[in-house]
Amino acid sequence: MCSESEVVKAEIERVCTSLEQGSWKRENRAGGRHPFPAFVHIARCGEDGPPKRANFICVPCYDLSRGGFSFYAKTRPDYQYLVVRLGDLPEANHILARIAHCTPHDGAEKAYRVGCEFLRKLILPP
């Protein structure tokens, strides 16, 4: 199940506050990334508008920062933009992100580690 503990919820709030204030642009990569052993929901962005709830899939997250996050995928993504849902519905935050890199990773269930850059917070219809 993809529910968050209080620590995870606090980290998500920190990221979303940084996005709203624009401070994510000043991230220092050396000290800005934090392990984030939780699950997040992602959906690829298409030309037909924002993703619908049914299009989101649950993926294991690797790390999280004010400027982006990375997750594990079984296959290499064939898209460049996605929406990540941080938190549980109905209070979840949706953030548009760009895939910055995709690195092969050892492990049966974790074939790739996908790094993403946060672009902006979104308001999606219910």
C-alpha atoms as a PDB file:
ATOM      1  CA  MET A   1       0.000   0.000   0.000  1.00  0.00           C
ATOM      2  CA  CYS A   2       1.223   3.512  -0.703  1.00  0.00           C
ATOM      3  CA  SER A   3       0.557   5.393   2.523  1.00  0.00           C
ATOM      4  CA  GLU A   4       3.010   7.700   4.275  1.00  0.00           C
ATOM      5  CA  SER A   5       4.233   7.962   7.837  1.00  0.00           C
ATOM      6  CA  GLU A   6       4.448  11.307   9.649  1.00  0.00           C
ATOM      7  CA  VAL A   7       8.142  11.640   8.708  1.00  0.00           C
ATOM      8  CA  VAL A   8       7.355  11.114   5.034  1.00  0.00           C
ATOM      9  CA  LYS A   9       4.490  13.622   5.190  1.00  0.00           C
ATOM     10  CA  ALA A  10       6.822  16.225   6.736  1.00  0.00           C
ATOM     11  CA  GLU A  11       9.383  15.694   3.952  1.00  0.00           C
ATOM     12  CA  ILE A  12       6.685  16.065   1.282  1.00  0.00           C
ATOM     13  CA  GLU A  13       5.484  19.301   2.893  1.00  0.00           C
ATOM     14  CA  ARG A  14       9.057  20.647   2.904  1.00  0.00           C
ATOM     15  CA  VAL A  15       9.451  19.920  -0.809  1.00  0.00           C
ATOM     16  CA  CYS A  16       6.100  21.471  -1.724  1.00  0.00           C
ATOM     17  CA  THR A  17       6.808  24.595   0.337  1.00  0.00           C
ATOM     18  CA  SER A  18      10.156  24.956  -1.447  1.00  0.00           C
ATOM     19  CA  LEU A  19       8.419  24.677  -4.819  1.00  0.00           C
ATOM     20  CA  GLU A  20       5.905  27.369  -3.873  1.00  0.00           C
ATOM     21  CA  GLN A  21       8.651  29.715  -2.643  1.00  0.00           C
ATOM     22  CA  GLY A  22      10.974  29.060  -5.576  1.00  0.00           C
ATOM     23  CA  SER A  23      13.810  28.048  -3.220  1.00  0.00           C
ATOM     24  CA  TRP A  24      14.215  24.677  -4.981  1.00  0.00           C
ATOM     25  CA  LYS A  25      16.178  26.518  -7.679  1.00  0.00           C
ATOM     26  CA  ARG A  26      18.953  27.218  -5.161  1.00  0.00           C
ATOM     27  CA  GLU A  27      19.487  23.585  -4.186  1.00  0.00           C
ATOM     28  CA  ASN A  28      23.037  22.495  -3.549  1.00  0.00           C
ATOM     29  CA  ARG A  29      23.125  18.900  -4.765  1.00  0.00           C
ATOM     30  CA  ALA A  30      25.912  17.969  -2.344  1.00  0.00           C
ATOM     31  CA  GLY A  31      23.648  18.424   0.674  1.00  0.00           C
ATOM     32  CA  GLY A  32      20.163  18.556  -0.747  1.00  0.00           C
ATOM     33  CA  ARG A  33      19.231  14.938  -1.448  1.00  0.00           C
ATOM     34  CA  HIS A  34      17.716  12.696   1.202  1.00  0.00           C
ATOM     35  CA  PRO A  35      16.948   8.977   1.082  1.00  0.00           C
ATOM     36  CA  PHE A  36      13.205   8.585   0.660  1.00  0.00           C
ATOM     37  CA  PRO A  37      12.290   4.908   1.082  1.00  0.00           C
ATOM     38  CA  ALA A  38       8.594   5.345   0.337  1.00  0.00           C
ATOM     39  CA  PHE A  39       6.282   4.858  -2.596  1.00  0.00           C
ATOM     40  CA  VAL A  40       4.992   7.631  -4.849  1.00  0.00           C
ATOM     41  CA  HIS A  41       2.478   7.674  -7.666  1.00  0.00           C
ATOM     42  CA  ILE A  42       3.565   8.813 -11.105  1.00  0.00           C
ATOM     43  CA  ALA A  43       1.812   9.249 -14.450  1.00  0.00           C
ATOM     44  CA  ARG A  44       3.349  10.047 -17.801  1.00  0.00           C
ATOM     45  CA  CYS A  45       2.378  13.341 -19.398  1.00  0.00           C
ATOM     46  CA  GLY A  46       0.897  13.125 -22.837  1.00  0.00           C
ATOM     47  CA  GLU A  47      -0.285  15.568 -25.427  1.00  0.00           C
ATOM     48  CA  ASP A  48      -3.904  15.001 -24.363  1.00  0.00           C
ATOM     49  CA  GLY A  49      -3.675  17.064 -21.161  1.00  0.00           C
ATOM     50  CA  PRO A  50      -3.041  16.192 -17.515  1.00  0.00           C
ATOM     51  CA  PRO A  51      -3.139  12.536 -16.495  1.00  0.00           C
ATOM     52  CA  LYS A  52      -6.275  11.037 -14.988  1.00  0.00           C
ATOM     53  CA  ARG A  53      -6.280   9.252 -11.617  1.00  0.00           C
ATOM     54  CA  ALA A  54      -6.454   5.875 -13.332  1.00  0.00           C
ATOM     55  CA  ASN A  55      -3.170   6.586 -15.155  1.00  0.00           C
ATOM     56  CA  PHE A  56      -1.046   6.830 -11.977  1.00  0.00           C
ATOM     57  CA  ILE A  57       1.122   3.883 -10.973  1.00  0.00           C
ATOM     58  CA  CYS A  58       2.871   3.271  -7.663  1.00  0.00           C
ATOM     59  CA  VAL A  59       6.700   3.181  -7.801  1.00  0.00           C
ATOM     60  CA  PRO A  60       9.407   2.899  -5.129  1.00  0.00           C
ATOM     61  CA  CYS A  61      11.189   6.183  -4.527  1.00  0.00           C
ATOM     62  CA  TYR A  62      14.970   6.307  -4.001  1.00  0.00           C
ATOM     63  CA  ASP A  63      15.603   9.889  -2.894  1.00  0.00           C
ATOM     64  CA  LEU A  64      13.967  13.298  -2.670  1.00  0.00           C
ATOM     65  CA  SER A  65      15.192  16.877  -2.625  1.00  0.00           C
ATOM     66  CA  ARG A  66      13.758  20.340  -3.074  1.00  0.00           C
ATOM     67  CA  GLY A  67      14.708  20.156  -6.759  1.00  0.00           C
ATOM     68  CA  GLY A  68      13.655  16.652  -7.707  1.00  0.00           C
ATOM     69  CA  PHE A  69      13.405  12.984  -6.867  1.00  0.00           C
ATOM     70  CA  SER A  70      14.427   9.614  -8.213  1.00  0.00           C
ATOM     71  CA  PHE A  71      12.546   6.347  -8.375  1.00  0.00           C
ATOM     72  CA  TYR A  72      13.067   2.766  -9.488  1.00  0.00           C
ATOM     73  CA  ALA A  73      11.465   1.446 -12.683  1.00  0.00           C
ATOM     74  CA  LYS A  74      11.378  -2.028 -14.180  1.00  0.00           C
ATOM     75  CA  THR A  75      11.722  -0.619 -17.700  1.00  0.00           C
ATOM     76  CA  ARG A  76      13.376   2.470 -19.168  1.00  0.00           C
ATOM     77  CA  PRO A  77      10.735   5.243 -19.467  1.00  0.00           C
ATOM     78  CA  ASP A  78       9.930   6.166 -23.069  1.00  0.00           C
ATOM     79  CA  TYR A  79       8.659   9.626 -22.104  1.00  0.00           C
ATOM     80  CA  GLN A  80      10.275  12.846 -20.889  1.00  0.00           C
ATOM     81  CA  TYR A  81       7.662  14.429 -18.599  1.00  0.00           C
ATOM     82  CA  LEU A  82       5.588  13.020 -15.766  1.00  0.00           C
ATOM     83  CA  VAL A  83       3.395  14.078 -12.886  1.00  0.00           C
ATOM     84  CA  VAL A  84       4.309  12.819  -9.426  1.00  0.00           C
ATOM     85  CA  ARG A  85       1.724  12.608  -6.657  1.00  0.00           C
ATOM     86  CA  LEU A  86       3.257  13.206  -3.238  1.00  0.00           C
ATOM     87  CA  GLY A  87       1.006  12.325  -0.336  1.00  0.00           C
ATOM     88  CA  ASP A  88      -2.345  10.652  -0.058  1.00  0.00           C
ATOM     89  CA  LEU A  89      -5.553  11.764  -1.736  1.00  0.00           C
ATOM     90  CA  PRO A  90      -7.435  14.007  -1.366  1.00  0.00           C
ATOM     91  CA  GLU A  91      -4.704  16.301   0.066  1.00  0.00           C
ATOM     92  CA  ALA A  92      -1.977  15.058  -2.279  1.00  0.00           C
ATOM     93  CA  ASN A  93       0.370  17.447  -4.070  1.00  0.00           C
ATOM     94  CA  HIS A  94       0.882  16.972  -7.812  1.00  0.00           C
ATOM     95  CA  ILE A  95       4.143  18.151  -9.351  1.00  0.00           C
ATOM     96  CA  LEU A  96       5.192  18.273 -12.995  1.00  0.00           C
ATOM     97  CA  ALA A  97       8.666  16.796 -13.451  1.00  0.00           C
ATOM     98  CA  ARG A  98      11.141  16.197 -16.264  1.00  0.00           C
ATOM     99  CA  ILE A  99      13.195  13.018 -16.501  1.00  0.00           C
ATOM    100  CA  ALA A 100      16.834  14.138 -16.249  1.00  0.00           C
ATOM    101  CA  HIS A 101      18.571  10.747 -16.379  1.00  0.00           C
ATOM    102  CA  CYS A 102      17.941   7.022 -16.347  1.00  0.00           C
ATOM    103  CA  THR A 103      20.667   4.746 -15.004  1.00  0.00           C
ATOM    104  CA  PRO A 104      20.746   0.929 -15.133  1.00  0.00           C
ATOM    105  CA  HIS A 105      20.523  -0.537 -11.628  1.00  0.00           C
ATOM    106  CA  ASP A 106      21.249  -4.005 -10.295  1.00  0.00           C
ATOM    107  CA  GLY A 107      18.351  -5.961  -8.870  1.00  0.00           C
ATOM    108  CA  ALA A 108      15.485  -8.012 -10.224  1.00  0.00           C
ATOM    109  CA  GLU A 109      12.722  -5.535  -9.431  1.00  0.00           C
ATOM    110  CA  LYS A 110      14.776  -2.355  -9.846  1.00  0.00           C
ATOM    111  CA  ALA A 111      16.166  -2.365 -13.369  1.00  0.00           C
ATOM    112  CA  TYR A 112      16.569   1.449 -13.659  1.00  0.00           C
ATOM    113  CA  ARG A 113      16.948   4.413 -11.350  1.00  0.00           C
ATOM    114  CA  VAL A 114      15.181   7.388 -12.921  1.00  0.00           C
ATOM    115  CA  GLY A 115      16.155  10.906 -11.799  1.00  0.00           C
ATOM    116  CA  CYS A 116      13.626  13.699 -12.237  1.00  0.00           C
ATOM    117  CA  GLU A 117      13.720  17.485 -11.926  1.00  0.00           C
ATOM    118  CA  PHE A 118      10.694  19.236 -10.428  1.00  0.00           C
ATOM    119  CA  LEU A 119       9.282  21.888 -12.751  1.00  0.00           C
ATOM    120  CA  ARG A 120       6.143  23.238 -11.064  1.00  0.00           C
ATOM    121  CA  LYS A 121       3.268  22.358  -8.785  1.00  0.00           C
ATOM    122  CA  LEU A 122       0.001  21.463 -10.521  1.00  0.00           C
ATOM    123  CA  ILE A 123      -3.660  21.624  -9.599  1.00  0.00           C
ATOM    124  CA  LEU A 124      -5.358  18.564 -11.062  1.00  0.00           C
ATOM    125  CA  PRO A 125      -9.111  18.032 -11.288  1.00  0.00           C
ATOM    126  CA  PRO A 126     -10.547  15.544  -8.761  1.00  0.00           C
END
